[in-house]
Structure formats: structure tokens, C-alpha cells
Amino acid sequence: MVQAARPFLEFQRLDALQLPLPDLMRELQRHLDRCIGLDSLVVHWYDEQAGMNEFYADPGWNAEAIEAYVADNRHAQAVHRRIALQRLQARQVYGLDEQVLRGREVYDTVVRPLGLGAVLSLPYWQPGLRAIVSCVRSASGPHKGRFAPADLRQAERLQGALGGLLAREAGPPAPALVQPGAALMVLDADGRLLQACARGRRLLALLEASPAGADFQARLQQALGRLETTADATEFDLSLSDGRYRLRLRPLGALGTARPWVAVEWDRLSHPELKLLTLAREASLSRRELQVAQALLGSASVEAIARQLGVAESTLKTLSRSLYQRLQVSDRQGLWRKFAAA
């Protein structure tokens, strides 16, 4: 079993930054891998009747697997609701071995193609959160497709801290870092898909299972209506379970049709303060030191930061000195420079 040296500290760090949950999902997956040992992660969010609202699929899941999974959930919706409701209300960590997975309807379309061997799930039924977090091990992976009793006990210890992170509210929005080239697709003038890269098909499959899907179609039609010439372009932002994206639409020209085709370029958006996690791990910063670093990177005065953190100015200065020493900088300007270079 893989264990982080201080598993709860990382959850505290992730929670301290108060970032939008889509920005944190991949960081969360990395940490759960260090704590428990997993080959993929799947998270389901539910409504009050245990109907699946949205789900996070491991980046290794391709469009075909996601489409098959969503289709099965819709086909056997009543059965999935009943089982999910039982699991959610029990609130107990549970496991599914390979024998159980072989009996699932999606065995041939999802389980076997992805090589899934065992699932360890943490259910949550509490105010503001109805979800099941599933850690998955592959049948051919280093863990031999199974979870040991010690893995289940570790998951039980982590359940509360993980739930607190999933249920907390994100802080105020901040300017995003744009990572271009996440995906590309081509639509006809009516918004029908003509061609897409593999990642683009995967994102569309996630949209089908997300409340953002209907909003995407409405905003897409509005954007298409504003494109009249090949010199036009428009864009809008979209949030999915695995991240936030900026979509840029531009006409490609008629290309033998009466109305122009449209290229849709997806850029991934990330919160700039994610870089703080890298610094925090490298320097073994505590939750409090991470909060101090986050505050010092802003423009507020020392007096204002002390009020914000609920500490005396003298305490803040002590925390700042400890922070600078750990990060090997001499002052606040040095912290800014180190953050910019991270």
C-alpha cells in the first residue's frame, strides 16, 4: 500500500487555497494515489434522489468509455439510483472486487477495455455534498487489481478530510492562466460536430453527462449566430468536472457549403495559485504558512493580512520570517519572484 507521510496535511493545503474544485481535481487524484495507491479515479455527484448529476472521469478514460458509461447509467437509471442511494445513506467505505465488476453490464464496454480490477469507494451524504469517490486499481497493475483490508482502513481515515475538501466553497475568482491547445474540433454552421481530436471527443462526452451540457449548447448557438464573416471570432468560458476551459470560435470559410464551418479551440484555464502547491510541497509548508504565503502574494498591507488571518501583527511577522526561511528568500519581493518562477 502507498501512503503519504502526512496524508492529512495535503488535504489541508488543498483546502487552504480555496480554489474552484475543477482546478483541484487532478491534484486531488495525485494525492489519493500517494495515500492509497490507485490507477484511476472516478467521482460521481448526485442529486437528492441519487440521480447522477455529474462525474469526474480519470484522464485515461477515452470518449468511448465515457459514452458507454453514461449510456449504461441512463439505460438502467432506476437500478443505479437504488444502489447509489443505499451506498450514500450508509456512508461506509466499500470495495468491489474483479468478480463483482465482471457482473456489471458495462464490463465489455468499460471495465474490460480499461482493465479495471477493483474499486474502493468513499460515499458522502451530507449538506452540500452527495458524492461517491471511487479509487480504481487495474487488473494488470502493480497492485494486482485488489485492495487489501489495510487500504480500506486508510480510506476510512481519509474520508472525513476528503469530504471537507469536496464540500467547501471556493473563494473569489481570480485571473486565470491560459494553457492553449487543450482540444480542437470543427462544427458545421448549425453546431453539429464534423471532426474532433481525441481530447475534444472526450470533452464532449463529459459534457453529455454534465449540467453544463445544456448551457454549452445554448451558448454555442448564440456564439454561432454572431459569426458572419471569416474575420469574426467569439469566445466563452465553460467549467467541467475535470477543469475550466475557454472556447474560441472562428469561421473557417464556406469550404463548398453555403454557410461556413466553425473551428472551436479549447484552452485550459488554471488558477495561478496552484503554483503555491508546488512551493508548499518542496518546502514542507504547513497549512498556516501556505495561507500566509497566499496573503503575502496579494497587495494587502501587513496590518490588513493580520486582520484577515485573525492574528496579531507580531505573530504574522514571525510566521513570515519562518516562511521566508523555508522558501530561501529574504523578503516579500523575494517571495513574489520565487512564485513567478515556479
Protein backbone atom coordinates (compact mmCIF):
# COMPACT_ATOMS: atom_id res chain seq x y z
CA MET A 1 0.00 0.00 0.00
CA VAL A 2 1.20 3.50 -0.86
CA GLN A 3 0.92 6.06 1.92
CA ALA A 4 1.77 9.72 2.11
CA ALA A 5 3.95 10.58 5.07
CA ARG A 6 1.41 13.16 6.28
CA PRO A 7 -1.79 12.47 4.33
CA PHE A 8 -4.00 14.97 6.12
CA LEU A 9 -1.55 17.83 5.59
CA GLU A 10 -2.03 17.69 1.83
CA PHE A 11 -5.82 17.86 2.17
CA GLN A 12 -5.34 20.88 4.43
CA ARG A 13 -3.11 22.52 1.85
CA LEU A 14 -5.62 21.94 -0.93
CA ASP A 15 -8.42 23.32 1.23
CA ALA A 16 -6.37 26.33 2.34
CA LEU A 17 -6.12 27.69 -1.20
CA GLN A 18 -9.92 27.87 -1.61
CA LEU A 19 -9.68 27.29 -5.36
CA PRO A 20 -12.53 26.11 -7.63
CA LEU A 21 -12.88 22.34 -7.33
CA PRO A 22 -12.32 21.64 -11.07
CA ASP A 23 -8.88 23.23 -10.70
CA LEU A 24 -8.05 20.85 -7.86
CA MET A 25 -9.32 17.51 -9.20
CA ARG A 26 -6.05 16.37 -10.75
CA GLU A 27 -4.11 17.49 -7.67
CA LEU A 28 -6.60 15.57 -5.56
CA GLN A 29 -6.14 12.48 -7.70
CA ARG A 30 -2.35 12.65 -7.34
CA HIS A 31 -2.64 12.88 -3.58
CA LEU A 32 -5.12 10.00 -3.27
CA ASP A 33 -2.69 7.93 -5.33
CA ARG A 34 0.07 8.71 -2.82
CA CYS A 35 -2.22 7.91 0.13
CA ILE A 36 -3.93 4.75 -1.09
CA GLY A 37 -2.37 3.74 -4.40
CA LEU A 38 -4.68 3.85 -7.40
CA ASP A 39 -4.53 3.62 -11.16
CA SER A 40 -7.53 5.84 -11.89
CA LEU A 41 -10.13 7.95 -10.12
CA VAL A 42 -13.86 8.38 -10.75
CA VAL A 43 -16.10 10.76 -8.79
CA HIS A 44 -19.91 10.85 -9.04
CA TRP A 45 -22.01 13.75 -7.81
CA TYR A 46 -25.71 13.10 -7.14
CA ASP A 47 -28.97 14.99 -6.62
CA GLU A 48 -31.25 14.39 -3.62
CA GLN A 49 -32.88 11.40 -5.35
CA ALA A 50 -29.46 9.82 -6.05
CA GLY A 51 -29.61 10.64 -9.75
CA MET A 52 -26.13 11.25 -11.17
CA ASN A 53 -25.62 14.97 -11.77
CA GLU A 54 -22.05 14.91 -12.98
CA PHE A 55 -18.94 12.81 -12.78
CA TYR A 56 -15.19 13.18 -12.98
CA ALA A 57 -13.54 10.58 -15.16
CA ASP A 58 -9.87 9.76 -14.95
CA PRO A 59 -7.84 11.43 -17.76
CA GLY A 60 -7.09 7.91 -19.02
CA TRP A 61 -10.75 7.33 -19.87
CA ASN A 62 -11.34 7.94 -23.57
CA ALA A 63 -14.52 9.25 -25.17
CA GLU A 64 -15.84 5.77 -26.00
CA ALA A 65 -15.55 4.60 -22.37
CA ILE A 66 -17.25 7.73 -21.04
CA GLU A 67 -20.06 7.48 -23.61
CA ALA A 68 -20.65 3.81 -22.76
CA TYR A 69 -20.63 4.54 -19.05
CA VAL A 70 -23.13 7.38 -19.36
CA ALA A 71 -25.35 5.36 -21.71
CA ASP A 72 -25.46 2.47 -19.22
CA ASN A 73 -26.32 4.85 -16.38
CA ARG A 74 -29.22 6.26 -18.38
CA HIS A 75 -30.40 2.86 -19.60
CA ALA A 76 -30.52 1.37 -16.09
CA GLN A 77 -31.25 4.61 -14.28
CA ALA A 78 -33.68 3.14 -11.73
CA VAL A 79 -31.21 0.41 -10.72
CA HIS A 80 -28.31 2.85 -10.45
CA ARG A 81 -30.40 5.25 -8.33
CA ARG A 82 -31.41 2.49 -5.93
CA ILE A 83 -27.86 1.21 -5.46
CA ALA A 84 -26.39 4.71 -5.19
CA LEU A 85 -28.99 5.74 -2.62
CA GLN A 86 -28.16 2.71 -0.46
CA ARG A 87 -24.44 3.41 -0.67
CA LEU A 88 -24.82 7.12 0.00
CA GLN A 89 -27.07 6.72 3.01
CA ALA A 90 -24.86 4.01 4.51
CA ARG A 91 -21.85 6.40 4.32
CA GLN A 92 -19.47 3.48 4.72
CA VAL A 93 -16.34 2.87 2.67
CA TYR A 94 -16.83 -0.20 0.48
CA GLY A 95 -14.96 -2.20 -2.12
CA LEU A 96 -15.84 -4.04 -5.33
CA ASP A 97 -13.53 -6.81 -6.50
CA GLU A 98 -12.97 -8.10 -10.01
CA GLN A 99 -15.61 -10.82 -9.64
CA VAL A 100 -18.29 -8.23 -8.84
CA LEU A 101 -17.16 -5.99 -11.70
CA ARG A 102 -17.44 -8.90 -14.13
CA GLY A 103 -21.16 -8.98 -13.43
CA ARG A 104 -21.71 -5.35 -14.41
CA GLU A 105 -23.46 -4.51 -17.69
CA VAL A 106 -20.58 -2.21 -18.62
CA TYR A 107 -17.99 -4.95 -18.24
CA ASP A 108 -17.45 -5.37 -22.01
CA THR A 109 -17.72 -1.65 -22.84
CA VAL A 110 -15.91 -0.03 -19.89
CA VAL A 111 -14.46 -2.41 -17.28
CA ARG A 112 -12.59 -4.81 -19.58
CA PRO A 113 -11.32 -2.25 -22.16
CA LEU A 114 -9.93 -0.07 -19.36
CA GLY A 115 -8.56 -3.08 -17.46
CA LEU A 116 -10.37 -2.21 -14.22
CA GLY A 117 -9.70 -4.75 -11.50
CA ALA A 118 -11.02 -3.39 -8.18
CA VAL A 119 -12.79 -0.32 -6.81
CA LEU A 120 -12.58 1.26 -3.36
CA SER A 121 -15.33 3.85 -2.84
CA LEU A 122 -15.90 6.61 -0.27
CA PRO A 123 -19.56 7.78 -0.15
CA TYR A 124 -20.73 11.18 1.12
CA TRP A 125 -24.28 12.13 2.13
CA GLN A 126 -24.15 15.45 3.93
CA PRO A 127 -25.36 19.06 3.48
CA GLY A 128 -23.93 20.43 0.26
CA LEU A 129 -22.38 17.13 -0.83
CA ARG A 130 -23.79 13.91 -2.23
CA ALA A 131 -20.98 12.07 -3.95
CA ILE A 132 -19.09 8.80 -4.28
CA VAL A 133 -15.32 8.94 -4.76
CA SER A 134 -14.03 5.72 -6.33
CA CYS A 135 -10.35 4.76 -6.30
CA VAL A 136 -9.70 2.18 -9.03
CA ARG A 137 -6.89 -0.32 -9.48
CA SER A 138 -6.28 -2.02 -12.81
CA ALA A 139 -6.26 -5.78 -13.17
CA SER A 140 -2.74 -5.75 -14.62
CA GLY A 141 -1.26 -3.00 -12.41
CA PRO A 142 1.31 -3.34 -9.64
CA HIS A 143 -1.44 -3.88 -7.04
CA LYS A 144 -2.83 -6.92 -8.92
CA GLY A 145 -6.32 -5.45 -9.16
CA ARG A 146 -7.28 -5.65 -5.50
CA PHE A 147 -7.43 -3.59 -2.31
CA ALA A 148 -6.24 -5.04 0.99
CA PRO A 149 -8.01 -4.51 4.36
CA ALA A 150 -5.29 -2.01 5.26
CA ASP A 151 -6.26 0.07 2.19
CA LEU A 152 -9.86 0.16 3.37
CA ARG A 153 -8.78 1.33 6.83
CA GLN A 154 -6.63 4.07 5.27
CA ALA A 155 -9.62 5.20 3.17
CA GLU A 156 -11.79 5.34 6.29
CA ARG A 157 -9.21 7.56 7.99
CA LEU A 158 -9.12 9.89 4.98
CA GLN A 159 -12.88 10.01 4.41
CA GLY A 160 -13.63 13.00 6.66
CA ALA A 161 -10.77 15.17 5.41
CA LEU A 162 -11.62 14.43 1.77
CA GLY A 163 -15.30 15.21 2.34
CA GLY A 164 -14.44 18.54 3.91
CA LEU A 165 -12.46 19.47 0.81
CA LEU A 166 -15.18 18.40 -1.63
CA ALA A 167 -17.92 20.23 0.27
CA ARG A 168 -16.19 23.53 0.93
CA GLU A 169 -16.99 26.66 -1.03
CA ALA A 170 -14.40 28.12 -3.38
CA GLY A 171 -13.02 31.59 -2.76
CA PRO A 172 -13.44 34.61 -5.04
CA PRO A 173 -12.48 34.17 -8.71
CA ALA A 174 -9.05 35.27 -9.87
CA PRO A 175 -7.49 35.89 -13.29
CA ALA A 176 -6.77 32.51 -14.86
CA LEU A 177 -3.63 31.22 -16.51
CA VAL A 178 -4.43 30.15 -20.07
CA GLN A 179 -2.91 26.91 -21.36
CA PRO A 180 -3.67 26.87 -25.11
CA GLY A 181 -4.30 23.86 -27.25
CA ALA A 182 -6.34 21.63 -24.94
CA ALA A 183 -8.55 20.42 -27.80
CA LEU A 184 -9.78 21.27 -31.28
CA MET A 185 -12.99 20.46 -33.13
CA VAL A 186 -14.84 21.55 -36.27
CA LEU A 187 -18.61 22.17 -36.41
CA ASP A 188 -20.97 22.92 -39.23
CA ALA A 189 -22.96 26.16 -39.19
CA ASP A 190 -25.73 24.51 -37.15
CA GLY A 191 -23.36 23.33 -34.43
CA ARG A 192 -23.15 19.68 -35.49
CA LEU A 193 -19.80 18.01 -34.93
CA LEU A 194 -17.85 17.30 -38.11
CA GLN A 195 -14.44 16.44 -36.72
CA ALA A 196 -12.61 16.48 -33.38
CA CYS A 197 -9.32 15.37 -31.89
CA ALA A 198 -9.39 12.56 -29.30
CA ARG A 199 -9.32 15.02 -26.40
CA GLY A 200 -12.11 17.04 -27.98
CA ARG A 201 -14.32 13.94 -28.23
CA ARG A 202 -13.58 13.17 -24.61
CA LEU A 203 -14.62 16.67 -23.51
CA LEU A 204 -17.84 16.40 -25.48
CA ALA A 205 -18.56 13.06 -23.79
CA LEU A 206 -18.08 14.67 -20.37
CA LEU A 207 -20.43 17.47 -21.41
CA GLU A 208 -23.14 14.90 -22.18
CA ALA A 209 -23.03 13.80 -18.53
CA SER A 210 -22.85 17.31 -17.11
CA PRO A 211 -25.38 20.04 -16.30
CA ALA A 212 -23.03 22.27 -18.31
CA GLY A 213 -24.06 20.39 -21.45
CA ALA A 214 -27.33 22.27 -21.96
CA ASP A 215 -25.64 25.58 -21.19
CA PHE A 216 -22.89 24.72 -23.68
CA GLN A 217 -25.40 24.11 -26.48
CA ALA A 218 -27.27 27.35 -25.76
CA ARG A 219 -24.10 29.44 -25.63
CA LEU A 220 -22.75 27.68 -28.70
CA GLN A 221 -25.84 28.60 -30.73
CA GLN A 222 -25.60 32.22 -29.51
CA ALA A 223 -21.94 32.35 -30.49
CA LEU A 224 -22.60 30.83 -33.91
CA GLY A 225 -25.25 33.47 -34.52
CA ARG A 226 -22.66 36.20 -34.07
CA LEU A 227 -20.26 34.76 -36.66
CA GLU A 228 -20.96 36.22 -40.07
CA THR A 229 -17.56 36.54 -41.77
CA THR A 230 -14.26 34.71 -41.57
CA ALA A 231 -12.82 37.71 -39.75
CA ASP A 232 -15.23 37.23 -36.83
CA ALA A 233 -14.40 35.35 -33.65
CA THR A 234 -16.05 34.89 -30.29
CA GLU A 235 -15.28 33.03 -27.07
CA PHE A 236 -16.84 31.92 -23.79
CA ASP A 237 -15.72 30.05 -20.66
CA LEU A 238 -17.01 26.67 -19.52
CA SER A 239 -16.50 24.65 -16.34
CA LEU A 240 -16.43 20.84 -16.30
CA SER A 241 -15.64 18.37 -13.54
CA ASP A 242 -12.04 17.97 -14.73
CA GLY A 243 -11.21 21.66 -15.27
CA ARG A 244 -12.19 25.04 -16.63
CA TYR A 245 -11.91 25.89 -20.31
CA ARG A 246 -12.10 28.85 -22.67
CA LEU A 247 -13.68 28.10 -26.04
CA ARG A 248 -12.75 30.26 -29.01
CA LEU A 249 -14.94 30.03 -32.13
CA ARG A 250 -13.89 31.27 -35.56
CA PRO A 251 -15.32 30.63 -39.07
CA LEU A 252 -13.24 28.59 -41.48
CA GLY A 253 -14.90 29.84 -44.66
CA ALA A 254 -17.56 28.19 -46.77
CA LEU A 255 -15.40 25.27 -47.98
CA GLY A 256 -18.00 24.30 -50.57
CA THR A 257 -21.01 24.90 -48.33
CA ALA A 258 -23.49 27.74 -48.24
CA ARG A 259 -22.61 28.60 -44.65
CA PRO A 260 -19.14 28.50 -43.06
CA TRP A 261 -17.83 25.74 -40.89
CA VAL A 262 -16.57 26.77 -37.45
CA ALA A 263 -13.37 25.82 -35.64
CA VAL A 264 -13.66 25.54 -31.86
CA GLU A 265 -10.37 25.81 -29.99
CA TRP A 266 -10.34 24.76 -26.33
CA ASP A 267 -7.82 26.38 -23.97
CA ARG A 268 -7.48 25.08 -20.42
CA LEU A 269 -7.76 27.64 -17.61
CA SER A 270 -5.90 27.14 -14.36
CA HIS A 271 -5.74 29.15 -11.18
CA PRO A 272 -2.36 30.86 -10.78
CA GLU A 273 -2.20 29.93 -7.10
CA LEU A 274 -1.90 26.26 -7.97
CA LYS A 275 1.81 27.03 -8.24
CA LEU A 276 1.77 27.56 -4.49
CA LEU A 277 1.15 23.85 -4.01
CA THR A 278 4.47 23.10 -5.68
CA LEU A 279 6.27 25.51 -3.38
CA ALA A 280 4.42 24.17 -0.34
CA ARG A 281 5.47 20.59 -1.06
CA GLU A 282 9.07 21.45 -1.85
CA ALA A 283 9.45 23.49 1.34
CA SER A 284 7.12 21.35 3.54
CA LEU A 285 4.92 24.33 4.36
CA SER A 286 2.12 23.92 6.86
CA ARG A 287 -1.46 24.93 6.13
CA ARG A 288 -0.94 28.18 8.07
CA GLU A 289 2.30 29.01 6.25
CA LEU A 290 0.55 28.37 2.95
CA GLN A 291 -2.22 30.78 3.94
CA VAL A 292 0.39 33.39 4.88
CA ALA A 293 2.18 32.92 1.54
CA GLN A 294 -1.10 33.28 -0.32
CA ALA A 295 -1.90 36.51 1.53
CA LEU A 296 1.58 37.97 1.07
CA LEU A 297 1.39 37.44 -2.68
CA GLY A 298 -1.52 39.89 -2.76
CA SER A 299 -1.33 43.63 -2.40
CA ALA A 300 -2.77 43.95 1.11
CA SER A 301 -0.74 45.55 3.88
CA VAL A 302 0.70 43.59 6.81
CA GLU A 303 -1.98 45.10 9.05
CA ALA A 304 -4.76 44.01 6.68
CA ILE A 305 -3.31 40.49 6.31
CA ALA A 306 -3.11 40.11 10.09
CA ARG A 307 -6.80 41.03 10.37
CA GLN A 308 -7.67 38.65 7.54
CA LEU A 309 -5.87 35.74 9.21
CA GLY A 310 -7.04 36.68 12.70
CA VAL A 311 -3.56 37.01 14.22
CA ALA A 312 -1.52 39.80 15.77
CA GLU A 313 0.93 41.66 13.53
CA SER A 314 3.82 40.34 15.60
CA THR A 315 2.61 36.78 15.03
CA LEU A 316 2.29 37.43 11.31
CA LYS A 317 5.86 38.76 11.17
CA THR A 318 7.09 35.61 12.95
CA LEU A 319 5.18 33.40 10.52
CA SER A 320 6.53 35.41 7.58
CA ARG A 321 10.14 35.03 8.73
CA SER A 322 9.66 31.27 9.08
CA LEU A 323 8.07 31.18 5.63
CA TYR A 324 10.91 33.14 4.01
CA GLN A 325 13.47 30.88 5.64
CA ARG A 326 11.76 27.74 4.36
CA LEU A 327 11.48 29.14 0.84
CA GLN A 328 15.04 30.51 0.96
CA VAL A 329 14.05 34.11 0.22
CA SER A 330 14.78 37.23 2.24
CA ASP A 331 11.59 39.25 1.95
CA ARG A 332 8.18 39.67 0.32
CA GLN A 333 9.65 40.72 -3.01
CA GLY A 334 11.75 37.56 -3.00
CA LEU A 335 8.56 35.55 -2.40
CA TRP A 336 6.93 37.21 -5.43
CA ARG A 337 9.93 36.40 -7.61
CA LYS A 338 10.04 32.77 -6.47
CA PHE A 339 6.30 32.38 -7.08
CA ALA A 340 6.61 33.88 -10.57
CA ALA A 341 9.42 31.47 -11.42
CA ALA A 342 7.63 28.36 -10.07
